[in-house]
C-alpha cells in the first residue's frame, strides 16, 4: 500500500490544528534572521504574530529553510513509512526554497521512496489550502489501487493538474 506524505514550508500558514488533523503533512520551517543577529525557525522558535510585532524594531529577513531542516524532514517522512512524497513550496519566482527542495529530495529518492516537488506560483494559503486538500486526497486514495493522486494547481491561475507516480 502506498503511503503518501505532503511536504511544504512554513509560508503556507497552515494552522496548527489543521496540521494535527493531517498527520501526513510535514512542514519545513523557513529561516528568519533579525537585524540584531538572532536566528529562528519560522513556526518552531518564533510565531508569525511575534515576527509581525517585531517588524519595526528588528527588521526580520527570511531565507529558504536550512539544508539540515530539509534533511531532518525528509528523513522523518521516510522513517514514518511513507512511500511517496508530494512537495509544494513558496513560489520559485520569489524564493530559492523550491530549488533547495529539489536538491535535497535527490538525497532521499529511491525505488521505494518517490518524491515529486511541484512548481508553484503562490504564497501563504494559496499554497496551504491545496496542501491540505492534497493531504486529504492522499489519505483517502493512498493504496496500490490508486497510483494517481490528483493535486490542485498551486497558484493564482486556478485549475488543476495531476502528479503521477508509477512503480
Foldseek 3Di string as FASTA:
>chain_A
DAQEAEEEECQQVDDPVLCVVQVRYHYQFWWKAWQVGDIDGEPPRDDPVVCVVCCVPTVIDTAAGDLVSLLVRLVVNVVVPHQEYEYEYAAPVVHCNLVSNVVSVVVPDDPRHYYHYDHAAHTHNLRVVQNSVQSVQCVVQVDPVDQWGWTWHRYDPGDTDTDGDDD
